[in-house]
């Protein structure tokens, strides 16, 4: 019998796991001995917070980027269950783990997605924008001119395809992205900014581009942000 590949959602920040994760997700993660992770240090911190059944040093924790996919899945092919863990949120979504999941399917392994936080869906839910049709674009370009061009493309796509546009930004660029949205987009275009999702400092604010031009964006500085745009 082969083992299974469990897709274990990580926390989006420093909160007690039981505040965000269902009991089954925590129970499965506590019992797993083999892990494929994005960053071992972050993974160990998360697993320690769950109170695993064995010492962290006894767990088999391998970085996704440092091993061939078949080697990472070898324990599952030998009958042991394996957990896939992102640094934050759901594995395989805005995350390099999708390649391992595809390899697991190719090897006829059972793939089990567990319930946990997805910043993309949480932001979309809270935005009040089109949940029937949307597109996710990851990170937009950093240079100002390229970033402005990308924002205009998203705005045009939202108008022609009638769908919400989602993208993320690193904490140290959140403030600059908000200013760019206000300066680049048409005045009536709606932009929702969701920061610190699931944390005590969580904030979800929806404004028109014209209103964002007047907003004090400094309060969003150095906070992980997800943006939802809709015409």
Protein backbone atom coordinates (compact mmCIF):
# COMPACT_ATOMS: atom_id res chain seq x y z
CA UNK A 1 0.00 0.00 0.00
CA UNK A 2 1.23 3.46 -0.90
CA UNK A 3 1.10 6.31 1.57
CA UNK A 4 -0.72 9.59 0.95
CA UNK A 5 0.47 13.11 0.24
CA UNK A 6 -1.26 15.47 2.66
CA UNK A 7 -1.42 19.15 1.68
CA UNK A 8 -1.16 20.97 5.01
CA UNK A 9 -2.04 24.68 5.10
CA UNK A 10 0.30 26.82 7.18
CA UNK A 11 -0.62 29.82 9.32
CA UNK A 12 -0.55 33.29 7.77
CA UNK A 13 1.21 34.74 10.81
CA UNK A 14 1.96 34.21 14.47
CA UNK A 15 -1.33 33.08 15.98
CA UNK A 16 -2.28 29.98 18.00
CA UNK A 17 -2.89 27.19 15.45
CA UNK A 18 -6.24 26.28 16.98
CA UNK A 19 -7.49 29.82 16.22
CA UNK A 20 -7.16 29.18 12.48
CA UNK A 21 -6.78 25.46 11.73
CA UNK A 22 -9.49 22.79 12.15
CA UNK A 23 -8.90 19.98 14.62
CA UNK A 24 -8.46 17.38 11.85
CA UNK A 25 -5.75 19.40 10.12
CA UNK A 26 -3.84 19.77 13.37
CA UNK A 27 -4.28 16.08 14.24
CA UNK A 28 -3.02 14.88 10.84
CA UNK A 29 -0.05 17.25 10.90
CA UNK A 30 0.94 16.18 14.41
CA UNK A 31 1.07 12.54 13.34
CA UNK A 32 3.12 12.93 10.14
CA UNK A 33 6.77 11.92 10.23
CA UNK A 34 7.81 12.87 6.68
CA UNK A 35 7.61 16.43 5.37
CA UNK A 36 8.36 18.29 2.15
CA UNK A 37 8.55 22.01 2.89
CA UNK A 38 9.28 25.34 1.27
CA UNK A 39 11.69 26.52 4.00
CA UNK A 40 12.84 24.10 6.74
CA UNK A 41 13.30 26.78 9.41
CA UNK A 42 9.75 28.12 8.93
CA UNK A 43 8.40 24.57 8.83
CA UNK A 44 10.04 23.63 12.12
CA UNK A 45 8.56 26.70 13.82
CA UNK A 46 5.09 25.80 12.56
CA UNK A 47 5.36 22.14 13.51
CA UNK A 48 6.66 23.01 16.97
CA UNK A 49 3.59 25.22 17.51
CA UNK A 50 1.35 22.19 16.82
CA UNK A 51 2.93 20.08 19.55
CA UNK A 52 3.97 17.12 17.36
CA UNK A 53 3.86 13.56 18.69
CA UNK A 54 7.65 13.21 18.36
CA UNK A 55 10.57 15.61 18.74
CA UNK A 56 11.17 17.95 15.79
CA UNK A 57 14.69 16.51 15.40
CA UNK A 58 13.17 13.09 14.72
CA UNK A 59 11.06 14.30 11.81
CA UNK A 60 12.20 13.81 8.22
CA UNK A 61 12.00 17.38 6.85
CA UNK A 62 13.20 17.99 3.30
CA UNK A 63 13.26 21.25 1.34
CA UNK A 64 11.29 21.05 -1.90
CA UNK A 65 13.92 22.90 -3.93
CA UNK A 66 16.83 20.73 -2.79
CA UNK A 67 15.74 17.23 -3.88
CA UNK A 68 14.32 15.49 -6.97
CA UNK A 69 10.55 15.01 -6.84
CA UNK A 70 10.79 11.23 -6.94
CA UNK A 71 13.13 11.26 -3.94
CA UNK A 72 10.74 13.47 -2.00
CA UNK A 73 7.87 11.08 -2.72
CA UNK A 74 9.90 7.94 -1.97
CA UNK A 75 8.52 7.57 1.61
CA UNK A 76 4.95 7.69 0.25
CA UNK A 77 5.78 5.12 -2.42
CA UNK A 78 7.15 2.94 0.40
CA UNK A 79 3.91 3.21 2.39
CA UNK A 80 4.43 6.23 4.69
CA UNK A 81 2.30 9.37 4.64
CA UNK A 82 4.03 12.63 3.63
CA UNK A 83 3.03 16.21 4.39
CA UNK A 84 3.54 19.13 1.99
CA UNK A 85 3.90 22.50 3.73
CA UNK A 86 4.17 26.04 2.36
CA UNK A 87 5.73 28.91 4.31
CA UNK A 88 2.24 30.47 4.61
CA UNK A 89 -1.23 29.48 3.49
CA UNK A 90 -2.16 26.60 1.21
CA UNK A 91 0.43 24.43 -0.56
CA UNK A 92 0.34 24.66 -4.33
CA UNK A 93 -1.51 28.00 -4.38
CA UNK A 94 0.87 30.88 -5.10
CA UNK A 95 3.47 28.36 -4.00
CA UNK A 96 6.00 26.04 -5.70
CA UNK A 97 4.41 22.91 -4.21
CA UNK A 98 2.18 22.27 -7.22
CA UNK A 99 4.99 20.38 -8.98
CA UNK A 100 5.15 17.84 -6.15
CA UNK A 101 1.38 17.40 -6.20
CA UNK A 102 1.48 16.75 -9.96
CA UNK A 103 4.25 14.22 -9.44
CA UNK A 104 2.19 12.49 -6.74
CA UNK A 105 -0.73 12.11 -9.14
CA UNK A 106 1.63 10.75 -11.81
CA UNK A 107 2.83 8.17 -9.27
CA UNK A 108 -0.80 7.21 -8.47
CA UNK A 109 -0.47 8.42 -4.90
CA UNK A 110 -3.48 9.59 -2.93
CA UNK A 111 -3.48 13.40 -2.59
CA UNK A 112 -5.39 14.79 0.41
CA UNK A 113 -5.99 18.57 0.69
CA UNK A 114 -6.57 19.66 4.28
CA UNK A 115 -8.60 22.67 5.36
CA UNK A 116 -6.79 25.88 6.34
CA UNK A 117 -6.33 29.56 5.51
CA UNK A 118 -5.95 30.82 1.95
CA UNK A 119 -5.20 34.54 1.82
CA UNK A 120 -6.52 34.70 -1.74
CA UNK A 121 -9.96 33.37 -0.89
CA UNK A 122 -10.17 35.26 2.39
CA UNK A 123 -9.44 38.55 0.62
CA UNK A 124 -11.88 37.79 -2.19
CA UNK A 125 -14.59 36.86 0.29
CA UNK A 126 -14.09 40.09 2.23
CA UNK A 127 -13.83 42.34 -0.84
CA UNK A 128 -17.42 42.04 -1.99
CA UNK A 129 -16.14 41.70 -5.56
CA UNK A 130 -16.87 39.06 -8.20
CA UNK A 131 -16.42 35.62 -6.66
CA UNK A 132 -17.91 33.96 -9.76
CA UNK A 133 -15.12 35.13 -12.06
CA UNK A 134 -11.65 36.18 -10.95
CA UNK A 135 -7.96 35.85 -11.87
CA UNK A 136 -4.86 35.72 -9.67
CA UNK A 137 -1.62 37.28 -10.92
CA UNK A 138 0.92 36.77 -8.13
CA UNK A 139 3.35 39.68 -7.77
CA UNK A 140 3.24 42.62 -10.16
CA UNK A 141 6.46 44.18 -11.54
CA UNK A 142 8.51 46.29 -9.14
CA UNK A 143 9.72 49.16 -11.41
CA UNK A 144 7.19 52.00 -11.31
CA UNK A 145 6.52 52.22 -15.05
CA UNK A 146 6.10 48.45 -15.45
CA UNK A 147 3.92 48.27 -12.35
CA UNK A 148 1.65 51.04 -13.69
CA UNK A 149 1.37 49.26 -17.04
CA UNK A 150 0.44 46.01 -15.29
CA UNK A 151 -2.24 47.75 -13.23
CA UNK A 152 -3.77 49.25 -16.36
CA UNK A 153 -3.80 45.80 -17.99
CA UNK A 154 -5.62 44.33 -15.00
CA UNK A 155 -8.11 47.18 -15.10
CA UNK A 156 -8.75 46.59 -18.81
CA UNK A 157 -9.16 42.85 -18.23
CA UNK A 158 -11.61 43.44 -15.40
CA UNK A 159 -13.65 45.68 -17.67
CA UNK A 160 -13.70 43.39 -20.72
CA UNK A 161 -13.90 40.01 -18.95
CA UNK A 162 -16.01 41.23 -16.01
CA UNK A 163 -13.88 39.53 -13.41
CA UNK A 164 -12.07 40.52 -10.24
CA UNK A 165 -8.27 40.75 -10.34
CA UNK A 166 -6.17 39.51 -7.40
CA UNK A 167 -2.48 40.10 -6.73
CA UNK A 168 -0.13 40.11 -3.76
CA UNK A 169 2.65 42.34 -2.53
CA UNK A 170 5.53 41.99 -0.09
CA UNK A 171 5.25 43.90 3.20
CA UNK A 172 7.93 46.46 2.34
CA UNK A 173 6.18 47.38 -0.93
CA UNK A 174 2.54 47.43 0.23
CA UNK A 175 2.49 51.19 0.79
CA UNK A 176 3.99 51.90 -2.64
CA UNK A 177 1.45 49.63 -4.34
CA UNK A 178 -1.44 51.45 -2.70
CA UNK A 179 -0.09 54.78 -3.94
CA UNK A 180 0.38 53.32 -7.41
CA UNK A 181 -3.23 52.10 -7.49
CA UNK A 182 -4.49 55.55 -6.55
CA UNK A 183 -2.30 57.31 -9.09
CA UNK A 184 -2.68 54.87 -12.01
CA UNK A 185 -6.21 53.51 -12.04
CA UNK A 186 -9.37 55.26 -13.17
CA UNK A 187 -11.06 57.17 -10.33
CA UNK A 188 -14.06 54.80 -10.08
CA UNK A 189 -12.09 51.52 -10.15
CA UNK A 190 -12.52 49.66 -6.87
CA UNK A 191 -9.50 48.38 -4.94
CA UNK A 192 -9.69 46.25 -1.80
CA UNK A 193 -6.57 45.95 0.37
CA UNK A 194 -6.49 43.04 2.83
CA UNK A 195 -3.58 43.00 5.28
CA UNK A 196 -2.57 40.73 8.19
CA UNK A 197 -5.34 38.25 7.40
CA UNK A 198 -6.29 35.98 10.35
CA UNK A 199 -4.10 38.03 12.71
CA UNK A 200 -5.33 40.31 15.54
CA UNK A 201 -4.18 43.29 13.41
CA UNK A 202 -6.22 42.18 10.37
CA UNK A 203 -7.64 44.97 8.24
CA UNK A 204 -9.72 44.84 5.04
CA UNK A 205 -10.40 48.19 3.36
CA UNK A 206 -12.22 48.79 0.06
CA UNK A 207 -12.03 52.17 -1.66
CA UNK A 208 -12.24 53.64 -5.15
CA UNK A 209 -8.93 54.62 -6.73
CA UNK A 210 -9.93 58.27 -6.22
CA UNK A 211 -10.42 57.63 -2.51
CA UNK A 212 -7.12 55.76 -2.24
CA UNK A 213 -5.35 58.87 -3.53
CA UNK A 214 -6.47 60.67 -0.37
CA UNK A 215 -5.86 57.75 2.01
CA UNK A 216 -2.91 57.72 4.41
CA UNK A 217 -1.19 54.61 3.08
CA UNK A 218 1.48 54.62 5.78
CA UNK A 219 -0.75 52.52 8.04
CA UNK A 220 -0.35 49.65 5.58
CA UNK A 221 3.45 49.87 5.48
CA UNK A 222 5.44 46.71 6.26
CA UNK A 223 2.31 44.55 6.39
CA UNK A 224 1.68 41.57 4.07
CA UNK A 225 -1.09 42.61 1.69
CA UNK A 226 -3.40 41.10 -0.87
CA UNK A 227 -5.12 43.33 -3.41
CA UNK A 228 -8.44 42.82 -5.21
CA UNK A 229 -9.27 45.12 -8.13
CA UNK A 230 -12.55 45.43 -10.01
CA UNK A 231 -14.01 47.94 -12.46
